[in-house]
PDB file of N, CA and C in Angstrom:
ATOM      1  N   MET A   1       0.628  -0.998  -0.284  1.00  0.00           N
ATOM      2  CA  MET A   1      -0.274   0.044  -0.009  1.00  0.00           C
ATOM      3  C   MET A   1       1.142   1.492   0.118  1.00  0.00           C
ATOM      4  N   ASN A   2       0.350   2.298  -0.516  1.00  0.00           N
ATOM      5  CA  ASN A   2       0.947   3.269  -0.855  1.00  0.00           C
ATOM      6  C   ASN A   2       1.029   3.971   0.128  1.00  0.00           C
ATOM      7  N   HIS A   3       1.565   5.348   0.539  1.00  0.00           N
ATOM      8  CA  HIS A   3       1.161   6.589   1.478  1.00  0.00           C
ATOM      9  C   HIS A   3       1.506   7.944   0.486  1.00  0.00           C
ATOM     10  N   TYR A   4       0.744   8.987   0.463  1.00  0.00           N
ATOM     11  CA  TYR A   4       0.617   9.823  -0.215  1.00  0.00           C
ATOM     12  C   TYR A   4       0.938  11.086   0.968  1.00  0.00           C
ATOM     13  N   VAL A   5       1.400  12.134   0.576  1.00  0.00           N
ATOM     14  CA  VAL A   5       1.788  13.449   1.418  1.00  0.00           C
ATOM     15  C   VAL A   5       1.078  14.585  -0.421  1.00  0.00           C
ATOM     16  N   TYR A   6       0.335  15.108   0.474  1.00  0.00           N
ATOM     17  CA  TYR A   6      -0.453  16.300  -0.669  1.00  0.00           C
ATOM     18  C   TYR A   6      -0.943  17.482  -0.027  1.00  0.00           C
ATOM     19  N   ILE A   7      -0.756  18.841  -1.042  1.00  0.00           N
ATOM     20  CA  ILE A   7      -1.223  19.913  -0.547  1.00  0.00           C
ATOM     21  C   ILE A   7      -2.375  20.334  -1.636  1.00  0.00           C
ATOM     22  N   MET A   8      -3.713  20.217  -0.549  1.00  0.00           N
ATOM     23  CA  MET A   8      -4.533  21.192  -1.311  1.00  0.00           C
ATOM     24  C   MET A   8      -4.699  22.628  -0.974  1.00  0.00           C
ATOM     25  N   THR A   9      -5.127  23.544  -2.059  1.00  0.00           N
ATOM     26  CA  THR A   9      -5.119  25.059  -1.803  1.00  0.00           C
ATOM     27  C   THR A   9      -6.697  25.588  -2.219  1.00  0.00           C
ATOM     28  N   ASN A  10      -7.133  26.410  -2.238  1.00  0.00           N
ATOM     29  CA  ASN A  10      -8.568  26.838  -2.615  1.00  0.00           C
ATOM     30  C   ASN A  10      -8.497  27.495  -4.323  1.00  0.00           C
ATOM     31  N   LYS A  11      -9.582  28.004  -4.821  1.00  0.00           N
ATOM     32  CA  LYS A  11      -9.813  29.099  -5.897  1.00  0.00           C
ATOM     33  C   LYS A  11      -8.136  29.542  -6.496  1.00  0.00           C
ATOM     34  N   ASN A  12      -8.248  31.111  -5.444  1.00  0.00           N
ATOM     35  CA  ASN A  12      -6.960  31.836  -5.631  1.00  0.00           C
ATOM     36  C   ASN A  12      -6.025  31.162  -4.519  1.00  0.00           C
ATOM     37  N   ASN A  13      -5.662  30.344  -4.876  1.00  0.00           N
ATOM     38  CA  ASN A  13      -4.185  29.547  -4.434  1.00  0.00           C
ATOM     39  C   ASN A  13      -3.572  30.246  -2.692  1.00  0.00           C
ATOM     40  N   ARG A  14      -4.944  30.954  -1.526  1.00  0.00           N
ATOM     41  CA  ARG A  14      -4.002  31.678  -0.816  1.00  0.00           C
ATOM     42  C   ARG A  14      -3.930  31.027   0.238  1.00  0.00           C
ATOM     43  N   VAL A  15      -4.959  29.901   0.657  1.00  0.00           N
ATOM     44  CA  VAL A  15      -4.299  28.754   1.588  1.00  0.00           C
ATOM     45  C   VAL A  15      -4.007  27.421   1.493  1.00  0.00           C
ATOM     46  N   ILE A  16      -3.050  27.009   1.841  1.00  0.00           N
ATOM     47  CA  ILE A  16      -2.368  25.800   1.452  1.00  0.00           C
ATOM     48  C   ILE A  16      -2.577  25.126   3.049  1.00  0.00           C
ATOM     49  N   TYR A  17      -3.362  23.810   2.481  1.00  0.00           N
ATOM     50  CA  TYR A  17      -2.919  22.615   3.579  1.00  0.00           C
ATOM     51  C   TYR A  17      -2.218  21.377   2.599  1.00  0.00           C
ATOM     52  N   ILE A  18      -1.747  20.746   3.740  1.00  0.00           N
ATOM     53  CA  ILE A  18      -0.370  19.971   3.890  1.00  0.00           C
ATOM     54  C   ILE A  18      -1.425  18.733   4.408  1.00  0.00           C
ATOM     55  N   GLY A  19      -1.439  17.447   4.170  1.00  0.00           N
ATOM     56  CA  GLY A  19      -2.495  16.285   4.608  1.00  0.00           C
ATOM     57  C   GLY A  19      -0.897  14.889   4.203  1.00  0.00           C
ATOM     58  N   VAL A  20      -2.315  13.922   4.786  1.00  0.00           N
ATOM     59  CA  VAL A  20      -1.242  12.535   4.165  1.00  0.00           C
ATOM     60  C   VAL A  20      -2.226  12.074   4.575  1.00  0.00           C
ATOM     61  N   THR A  21      -2.025  10.443   3.382  1.00  0.00           N
ATOM     62  CA  THR A  21      -3.110   9.576   3.333  1.00  0.00           C
ATOM     63  C   THR A  21      -2.664   7.764   2.775  1.00  0.00           C
ATOM     64  N   ASN A  22      -3.228   7.017   2.670  1.00  0.00           N
ATOM     65  CA  ASN A  22      -3.282   6.188   2.269  1.00  0.00           C
ATOM     66  C   ASN A  22      -3.796   5.416   1.083  1.00  0.00           C
ATOM     67  N   ASN A  23      -4.795   6.914   0.769  1.00  0.00           N
ATOM     68  CA  ASN A  23      -5.717   6.243  -0.593  1.00  0.00           C
ATOM     69  C   ASN A  23      -5.952   8.111  -0.801  1.00  0.00           C
ATOM     70  N   LEU A  24      -5.133   9.017  -2.133  1.00  0.00           N
ATOM     71  CA  LEU A  24      -4.910   9.850  -2.074  1.00  0.00           C
ATOM     72  C   LEU A  24      -6.563  10.264  -2.859  1.00  0.00           C
ATOM     73  N   ASP A  25      -7.003   9.111  -3.771  1.00  0.00           N
ATOM     74  CA  ASP A  25      -8.233   9.460  -4.745  1.00  0.00           C
ATOM     75  C   ASP A  25      -9.626   9.489  -3.883  1.00  0.00           C
ATOM     76  N   GLU A  26      -9.808   8.852  -2.823  1.00  0.00           N
ATOM     77  CA  GLU A  26     -10.603   9.138  -2.023  1.00  0.00           C
ATOM     78  C   GLU A  26     -10.429  10.236  -0.770  1.00  0.00           C
ATOM     79  N   ARG A  27      -8.896  10.969  -0.202  1.00  0.00           N
ATOM     80  CA  ARG A  27      -8.985  11.592  -0.113  1.00  0.00           C
ATOM     81  C   ARG A  27      -9.098  12.967  -0.438  1.00  0.00           C
ATOM     82  N   VAL A  28      -8.464  13.033  -1.847  1.00  0.00           N
ATOM     83  CA  VAL A  28      -9.108  14.193  -2.557  1.00  0.00           C
ATOM     84  C   VAL A  28     -11.126  14.409  -2.671  1.00  0.00           C
ATOM     85  N   LYS A  29     -11.089  12.850  -2.882  1.00  0.00           N
ATOM     86  CA  LYS A  29     -12.782  13.263  -2.875  1.00  0.00           C
ATOM     87  C   LYS A  29     -13.646  13.941  -1.842  1.00  0.00           C
ATOM     88  N   GLU A  30     -13.149  13.263  -0.696  1.00  0.00           N
ATOM     89  CA  GLU A  30     -13.574  13.868   0.206  1.00  0.00           C
ATOM     90  C   GLU A  30     -12.947  15.815   0.929  1.00  0.00           C
ATOM     91  N   HIS A  31     -12.498  15.882   0.497  1.00  0.00           N
ATOM     92  CA  HIS A  31     -12.007  17.016   0.407  1.00  0.00           C
ATOM     93  C   HIS A  31     -13.693  18.024  -0.333  1.00  0.00           C
ATOM     94  N   LYS A  32     -12.941  17.745  -2.028  1.00  0.00           N
ATOM     95  CA  LYS A  32     -14.219  18.459  -2.543  1.00  0.00           C
ATOM     96  C   LYS A  32     -15.346  18.049  -2.497  1.00  0.00           C
ATOM     97  N   SER A  33     -15.546  17.401  -2.128  1.00  0.00           N
ATOM     98  CA  SER A  33     -17.666  16.918  -1.687  1.00  0.00           C
ATOM     99  C   SER A  33     -17.345  17.358  -0.130  1.00  0.00           C
ATOM    100  N   ARG A  34     -16.541  18.909   0.257  1.00  0.00           N
ATOM    101  CA  ARG A  34     -16.952  18.654   2.072  1.00  0.00           C
ATOM    102  C   ARG A  34     -17.255  17.637   2.418  1.00  0.00           C
ATOM    103  N   THR A  35     -16.876  16.426   2.880  1.00  0.00           N
ATOM    104  CA  THR A  35     -17.573  14.690   3.517  1.00  0.00           C
ATOM    105  C   THR A  35     -17.272  15.577   5.474  1.00  0.00           C
ATOM    106  N   TYR A  36     -16.310  16.007   5.513  1.00  0.00           N
ATOM    107  CA  TYR A  36     -16.549  16.752   7.042  1.00  0.00           C
ATOM    108  C   TYR A  36     -16.500  18.853   6.849  1.00  0.00           C
ATOM    109  N   PRO A  37     -17.489  18.962   7.118  1.00  0.00           N
ATOM    110  CA  PRO A  37     -17.678  20.172   6.448  1.00  0.00           C
ATOM    111  C   PRO A  37     -17.378  21.142   8.340  1.00  0.00           C
ATOM    112  N   ASN A  38     -16.746  20.641   9.183  1.00  0.00           N
ATOM    113  CA  ASN A  38     -16.074  21.718   9.703  1.00  0.00           C
ATOM    114  C   ASN A  38     -14.353  21.504  10.078  1.00  0.00           C
ATOM    115  N   SER A  39     -14.055  20.866   8.775  1.00  0.00           N
ATOM    116  CA  SER A  39     -12.876  20.442   8.816  1.00  0.00           C
ATOM    117  C   SER A  39     -11.658  22.023   7.999  1.00  0.00           C
ATOM    118  N   PHE A  40     -10.579  21.788   8.337  1.00  0.00           N
ATOM    119  CA  PHE A  40     -10.170  23.567   7.984  1.00  0.00           C
ATOM    120  C   PHE A  40     -10.461  23.172   6.966  1.00  0.00           C
ATOM    121  N   THR A  41      -9.996  22.485   5.410  1.00  0.00           N
ATOM    122  CA  THR A  41     -10.329  22.658   4.271  1.00  0.00           C
ATOM    123  C   THR A  41     -11.875  23.278   3.777  1.00  0.00           C
ATOM    124  N   SER A  42     -12.139  22.435   4.596  1.00  0.00           N
ATOM    125  CA  SER A  42     -14.084  22.962   4.080  1.00  0.00           C
ATOM    126  C   SER A  42     -14.100  23.952   4.416  1.00  0.00           C
ATOM    127  N   ARG A  43     -13.810  24.622   5.571  1.00  0.00           N
ATOM    128  CA  ARG A  43     -14.014  26.429   6.157  1.00  0.00           C
ATOM    129  C   ARG A  43     -13.137  27.010   5.267  1.00  0.00           C
ATOM    130  N   TYR A  44     -11.703  26.442   4.322  1.00  0.00           N
ATOM    131  CA  TYR A  44     -11.645  27.372   3.767  1.00  0.00           C
ATOM    132  C   TYR A  44     -11.406  27.319   2.284  1.00  0.00           C
ATOM    133  N   ASN A  45     -12.057  26.185   1.635  1.00  0.00           N
ATOM    134  CA  ASN A  45     -12.535  26.436   0.448  1.00  0.00           C
ATOM    135  C   ASN A  45     -11.532  25.386  -0.516  1.00  0.00           C
ATOM    136  N   CYS A  46     -10.889  24.614   0.389  1.00  0.00           N
ATOM    137  CA  CYS A  46      -9.296  23.929  -0.272  1.00  0.00           C
ATOM    138  C   CYS A  46      -9.699  23.004  -1.173  1.00  0.00           C
ATOM    139  N   ASP A  47     -10.157  22.584  -1.730  1.00  0.00           N
ATOM    140  CA  ASP A  47     -10.723  21.398  -2.895  1.00  0.00           C
ATOM    141  C   ASP A  47      -9.900  21.272  -4.569  1.00  0.00           C
ATOM    142  N   LYS A  48      -8.830  22.618  -3.990  1.00  0.00           N
ATOM    143  CA  LYS A  48      -7.876  22.204  -5.154  1.00  0.00           C
ATOM    144  C   LYS A  48      -6.320  21.080  -4.646  1.00  0.00           C
ATOM    145  N   LEU A  49      -6.214  20.005  -5.923  1.00  0.00           N
ATOM    146  CA  LEU A  49      -4.675  19.410  -5.184  1.00  0.00           C
ATOM    147  C   LEU A  49      -3.794  19.968  -6.202  1.00  0.00           C
ATOM    148  N   VAL A  50      -3.090  20.757  -5.441  1.00  0.00           N
ATOM    149  CA  VAL A  50      -1.497  21.059  -6.336  1.00  0.00           C
ATOM    150  C   VAL A  50      -0.537  20.644  -5.987  1.00  0.00           C
ATOM    151  N   TYR A  51      -0.342  19.607  -5.461  1.00  0.00           N
ATOM    152  CA  TYR A  51       1.317  18.278  -5.406  1.00  0.00           C
ATOM    153  C   TYR A  51       0.838  17.380  -4.574  1.00  0.00           C
ATOM    154  N   PHE A  52       1.256  16.294  -4.844  1.00  0.00           N
ATOM    155  CA  PHE A  52       1.176  15.182  -3.840  1.00  0.00           C
ATOM    156  C   PHE A  52       2.965  14.648  -4.385  1.00  0.00           C
ATOM    157  N   GLU A  53       3.490  13.635  -3.446  1.00  0.00           N
ATOM    158  CA  GLU A  53       4.073  12.991  -3.325  1.00  0.00           C
ATOM    159  C   GLU A  53       3.998  11.565  -3.094  1.00  0.00           C
ATOM    160  N   GLU A  54       4.706  10.411  -3.514  1.00  0.00           N
ATOM    161  CA  GLU A  54       4.289   9.050  -2.907  1.00  0.00           C
ATOM    162  C   GLU A  54       5.337   8.081  -2.113  1.00  0.00           C
ATOM    163  N   PHE A  55       5.131   7.307  -1.167  1.00  0.00           N
ATOM    164  CA  PHE A  55       5.999   6.807  -0.326  1.00  0.00           C
ATOM    165  C   PHE A  55       5.529   5.509  -0.045  1.00  0.00           C
ATOM    166  N   GLU A  56       6.570   4.677   0.294  1.00  0.00           N
ATOM    167  CA  GLU A  56       6.015   3.116   0.343  1.00  0.00           C
ATOM    168  C   GLU A  56       5.375   2.681   1.495  1.00  0.00           C
ATOM    169  N   LYS A  57       5.664   3.326   2.412  1.00  0.00           N
ATOM    170  CA  LYS A  57       6.190   3.295   4.235  1.00  0.00           C
ATOM    171  C   LYS A  57       5.408   4.314   4.723  1.00  0.00           C
ATOM    172  N   SER A  58       4.433   4.457   5.272  1.00  0.00           N
ATOM    173  CA  SER A  58       3.424   5.382   5.899  1.00  0.00           C
ATOM    174  C   SER A  58       4.762   5.935   6.861  1.00  0.00           C
ATOM    175  N   ASP A  59       5.454   5.526   7.751  1.00  0.00           N
ATOM    176  CA  ASP A  59       6.459   6.572   8.587  1.00  0.00           C
ATOM    177  C   ASP A  59       6.929   7.576   7.632  1.00  0.00           C
ATOM    178  N   GLU A  60       7.314   7.652   6.535  1.00  0.00           N
ATOM    179  CA  GLU A  60       7.858   8.036   5.064  1.00  0.00           C
ATOM    180  C   GLU A  60       7.102   9.494   5.341  1.00  0.00           C
ATOM    181  N   ALA A  61       6.148   9.372   4.782  1.00  0.00           N
ATOM    182  CA  ALA A  61       5.358  10.082   4.764  1.00  0.00           C
ATOM    183  C   ALA A  61       4.812  10.634   5.538  1.00  0.00           C
ATOM    184  N   CYS A  62       4.560  10.585   7.189  1.00  0.00           N
ATOM    185  CA  CYS A  62       4.329  11.499   7.874  1.00  0.00           C
ATOM    186  C   CYS A  62       5.550  12.250   8.527  1.00  0.00           C
ATOM    187  N   LYS A  63       6.660  11.294   8.352  1.00  0.00           N
ATOM    188  CA  LYS A  63       7.966  12.220   8.488  1.00  0.00           C
ATOM    189  C   LYS A  63       7.954  13.409   7.161  1.00  0.00           C
ATOM    190  N   ARG A  64       7.798  12.926   6.286  1.00  0.00           N
ATOM    191  CA  ARG A  64       7.595  14.532   4.898  1.00  0.00           C
ATOM    192  C   ARG A  64       6.442  15.287   5.340  1.00  0.00           C
ATOM    193  N   GLU A  65       5.525  15.086   6.037  1.00  0.00           N
ATOM    194  CA  GLU A  65       4.628  15.565   6.287  1.00  0.00           C
ATOM    195  C   GLU A  65       4.536  16.784   7.461  1.00  0.00           C
ATOM    196  N   ARG A  66       5.576  16.020   8.567  1.00  0.00           N
ATOM    197  CA  ARG A  66       6.148  16.812   9.551  1.00  0.00           C
ATOM    198  C   ARG A  66       6.741  18.529   9.140  1.00  0.00           C
ATOM    199  N   ARG A  67       7.834  17.951   8.195  1.00  0.00           N
ATOM    200  CA  ARG A  67       9.207  18.617   7.705  1.00  0.00           C
ATOM    201  C   ARG A  67       8.110  19.404   7.338  1.00  0.00           C
ATOM    202  N   PHE A  68       6.782  19.349   6.191  1.00  0.00           N
ATOM    203  CA  PHE A  68       6.333  20.633   5.593  1.00  0.00           C
ATOM    204  C   PHE A  68       6.062  21.144   6.020  1.00  0.00           C
ATOM    205  N   LYS A  69       5.384  21.122   6.786  1.00  0.00           N
ATOM    206  CA  LYS A  69       4.393  21.601   8.183  1.00  0.00           C
ATOM    207  C   LYS A  69       5.497  22.855   8.572  1.00  0.00           C
ATOM    208  N   LYS A  70       6.544  22.442   8.645  1.00  0.00           N
ATOM    209  CA  LYS A  70       7.279  23.597  10.053  1.00  0.00           C
ATOM    210  C   LYS A  70       7.392  24.313   8.372  1.00  0.00           C
ATOM    211  N   TRP A  71       8.037  24.106   7.170  1.00  0.00           N
ATOM    212  CA  TRP A  71       8.207  25.526   5.943  1.00  0.00           C
ATOM    213  C   TRP A  71       7.648  26.430   6.194  1.00  0.00           C
ATOM    214  N   ASN A  72       8.138  27.842   5.469  1.00  0.00           N
ATOM    215  CA  ASN A  72       7.976  29.224   5.668  1.00  0.00           C
ATOM    216  C   ASN A  72       7.122  28.774   4.155  1.00  0.00           C
ATOM    217  N   ARG A  73       5.918  29.426   4.327  1.00  0.00           N
ATOM    218  CA  ARG A  73       5.151  29.945   3.085  1.00  0.00           C
ATOM    219  C   ARG A  73       5.545  29.557   1.501  1.00  0.00           C
ATOM    220  N   ALA A  74       7.096  30.724   1.658  1.00  0.00           N
ATOM    221  CA  ALA A  74       7.443  30.922   0.313  1.00  0.00           C
ATOM    222  C   ALA A  74       8.445  29.405  -0.276  1.00  0.00           C
ATOM    223  N   TRP A  75       8.586  28.638   0.800  1.00  0.00           N
ATOM    224  CA  TRP A  75       9.188  27.320   0.492  1.00  0.00           C
ATOM    225  C   TRP A  75       8.208  26.703   0.068  1.00  0.00           C
ATOM    226  N   LYS A  76       6.853  26.569   0.492  1.00  0.00           N
ATOM    227  CA  LYS A  76       6.187  25.660  -0.016  1.00  0.00           C
ATOM    228  C   LYS A  76       5.576  25.889  -1.572  1.00  0.00           C
ATOM    229  N   ILE A  77       5.261  27.201  -1.980  1.00  0.00           N
ATOM    230  CA  ILE A  77       5.275  27.458  -2.794  1.00  0.00           C
ATOM    231  C   ILE A  77       5.993  27.552  -4.143  1.00  0.00           C
ATOM    232  N   ASP A  78       7.692  27.498  -3.841  1.00  0.00           N
ATOM    233  CA  ASP A  78       8.412  27.058  -4.547  1.00  0.00           C
ATOM    234  C   ASP A  78       8.403  25.721  -5.096  1.00  0.00           C
ATOM    235  N   LEU A  79       8.079  24.407  -3.575  1.00  0.00           N
ATOM    236  CA  LEU A  79       8.031  23.189  -4.138  1.00  0.00           C
ATOM    237  C   LEU A  79       6.334  23.024  -5.284  1.00  0.00           C
ATOM    238  N   ILE A  80       5.819  23.523  -4.712  1.00  0.00           N
ATOM    239  CA  ILE A  80       4.477  23.035  -5.243  1.00  0.00           C
ATOM    240  C   ILE A  80       4.798  23.944  -7.155  1.00  0.00           C
ATOM    241  N   GLU A  81       5.290  24.649  -6.851  1.00  0.00           N
ATOM    242  CA  GLU A  81       5.535  25.631  -8.265  1.00  0.00           C
ATOM    243  C   GLU A  81       6.645  25.052  -9.651  1.00  0.00           C
ATOM    244  N   GLU A  82       7.064  23.748  -8.852  1.00  0.00           N
ATOM    245  CA  GLU A  82       8.246  23.034  -9.071  1.00  0.00           C
ATOM    246  C   GLU A  82       7.820  21.952 -10.158  1.00  0.00           C
ATOM    247  N   MET A  83       6.776  21.257  -9.263  1.00  0.00           N
ATOM    248  CA  MET A  83       6.096  19.724  -9.904  1.00  0.00           C
ATOM    249  C   MET A  83       5.386  20.677 -10.574  1.00  0.00           C
ATOM    250  N   ASN A  84       4.239  21.851 -10.337  1.00  0.00           N
ATOM    251  CA  ASN A  84       2.933  22.581 -11.344  1.00  0.00           C
ATOM    252  C   ASN A  84       2.976  24.138 -10.922  1.00  0.00           C
ATOM    253  N   PRO A  85       3.700  24.524 -12.015  1.00  0.00           N
ATOM    254  CA  PRO A  85       3.822  26.007 -12.108  1.00  0.00           C
ATOM    255  C   PRO A  85       2.791  26.630 -12.201  1.00  0.00           C
ATOM    256  N   ASN A  86       1.480  26.135 -12.724  1.00  0.00           N
ATOM    257  CA  ASN A  86       0.210  26.733 -13.369  1.00  0.00           C
ATOM    258  C   ASN A  86      -1.250  26.496 -11.924  1.00  0.00           C
ATOM    259  N   TRP A  87      -0.146  25.892 -11.053  1.00  0.00           N
ATOM    260  CA  TRP A  87      -1.309  25.560  -9.678  1.00  0.00           C
ATOM    261  C   TRP A  87      -2.720  24.761 -10.379  1.00  0.00           C
ATOM    262  N   PHE A  88      -2.798  24.285 -11.134  1.00  0.00           N
ATOM    263  CA  PHE A  88      -3.416  23.095 -12.036  1.00  0.00           C
ATOM    264  C   PHE A  88      -3.961  22.184 -10.532  1.00  0.00           C
ATOM    265  N   ASP A  89      -5.459  21.703 -10.440  1.00  0.00           N
ATOM    266  CA  ASP A  89      -6.544  20.901  -9.957  1.00  0.00           C
ATOM    267  C   ASP A  89      -5.923  19.497 -10.645  1.00  0.00           C
ATOM    268  N   LEU A  90      -4.015  19.079  -9.748  1.00  0.00           N
ATOM    269  CA  LEU A  90      -3.867  17.748 -10.808  1.00  0.00           C
ATOM    270  C   LEU A  90      -5.106  16.241 -10.435  1.00  0.00           C
ATOM    271  N   SER A  91      -5.994  16.531  -9.954  1.00  0.00           N
ATOM    272  CA  SER A  91      -7.447  15.108  -9.804  1.00  0.00           C
ATOM    273  C   SER A  91      -8.130  15.647 -10.768  1.00  0.00           C
ATOM    274  N   ASP A  92      -7.844  17.031 -11.973  1.00  0.00           N
ATOM    275  CA  ASP A  92      -9.018  17.193 -12.422  1.00  0.00           C
ATOM    276  C   ASP A  92      -9.227  16.037 -13.760  1.00  0.00           C
ATOM    277  N   ASN A  93      -8.620  15.087 -14.106  1.00  0.00           N
ATOM    278  CA  ASN A  93      -8.622  14.110 -14.910  1.00  0.00           C
ATOM    279  C   ASN A  93      -8.916  13.223 -14.124  1.00  0.00           C
ATOM    280  N   TRP A  94      -8.857  12.482 -13.255  1.00  0.00           N
ATOM    281  CA  TRP A  94      -8.572  11.233 -12.899  1.00  0.00           C
ATOM    282  C   TRP A  94      -9.915  10.460 -12.429  1.00  0.00           C
ATOM    283  N   ASN A  95     -10.991  11.109 -12.978  1.00  0.00           N
ATOM    284  CA  ASN A  95     -12.634  10.661 -12.907  1.00  0.00           C
ATOM    285  C   ASN A  95     -12.736   9.480 -11.662  1.00  0.00           C
ATOM    286  N   LEU A  96     -13.249  10.819 -10.652  1.00  0.00           N
ATOM    287  CA  LEU A  96     -13.097  10.672  -9.183  1.00  0.00           C
ATOM    288  C   LEU A  96     -14.693  10.328  -9.489  1.00  0.00           C
ATOM    289  N   ASP A  97     -15.001   8.700  -8.968  1.00  0.00           N
ATOM    290  CA  ASP A  97     -16.876   8.765  -8.802  1.00  0.00           C
ATOM    291  C   ASP A  97     -17.060   9.129  -7.112  1.00  0.00           C
ATOM    292  N   PHE A  98     -17.917  10.176  -7.403  1.00  0.00           N
ATOM    293  CA  PHE A  98     -18.608  10.939  -6.370  1.00  0.00           C
ATOM    294  C   PHE A  98     -19.795  10.128  -5.759  1.00  0.00           C
ATOM    295  N   SER A  99     -19.868   9.285  -5.890  1.00  0.00           N
ATOM    296  CA  SER A  99     -21.408   8.752  -6.099  1.00  0.00           C
ATOM    297  C   SER A  99     -21.144   7.594  -5.091  1.00  0.00           C
ATOM    298  N   ILE A 100     -19.624   7.326  -4.656  1.00  0.00           N
ATOM    299  CA  ILE A 100     -18.852   6.298  -4.189  1.00  0.00           C
ATOM    300  C   ILE A 100     -17.657   6.876  -3.200  1.00  0.00           C
ATOM    301  N   SER A 101     -18.602   6.707  -1.708  1.00  0.00           N
ATOM    302  CA  SER A 101     -17.050   7.610  -0.751  1.00  0.00           C
ATOM    303  C   SER A 101     -17.151   7.034   0.174  1.00  0.00           C
ATOM    304  N   ARG A 102     -16.471   6.862   0.033  1.00  0.00           N
ATOM    305  CA  ARG A 102     -16.269   5.934   2.228  1.00  0.00           C
ATOM    306  C   ARG A 102     -16.017   7.140   2.919  1.00  0.00           C
ATOM    307  N   LEU A 103     -17.170   6.807   3.951  1.00  0.00           N
ATOM    308  CA  LEU A 103     -17.229   8.262   5.019  1.00  0.00           C
ATOM    309  C   LEU A 103     -17.156   7.396   6.288  1.00  0.00           C
ATOM    310  N   ARG A 104     -15.851   8.255   6.955  1.00  0.00           N
ATOM    311  CA  ARG A 104     -15.390   7.899   7.884  1.00  0.00           C
ATOM    312  C   ARG A 104     -16.914   8.142   9.560  1.00  0.00           C
ATOM    313  N   LYS A 105     -16.858   6.893  10.643  1.00  0.00           N
ATOM    314  CA  LYS A 105     -17.287   7.835  11.596  1.00  0.00           C
ATOM    315  C   LYS A 105     -16.899   8.348  12.842  1.00  0.00           C
TER     316      LYS A 105
END
């Protein structure tokens, strides 16, 4: 099973959210559909996937996420723009099925 560190942002790229997951498709669907209405990404409309990295081990992904969260904003922007200079939503062409989404209780 692979693990991912990812960055979501809002429409005008002003808010940056960094997360970690073992199922990127499902997690992006949760952000886009606002499965958790009181979450940070729902409150700040972060529904655009602009960056991600893949890891084989969860501890590696968690370690990378913790590092990212300590970075200043300029470093995060440089990281995003190195992979995605136009800040496109990388999940736009993923054909995510919103009719079936896992729900956590």
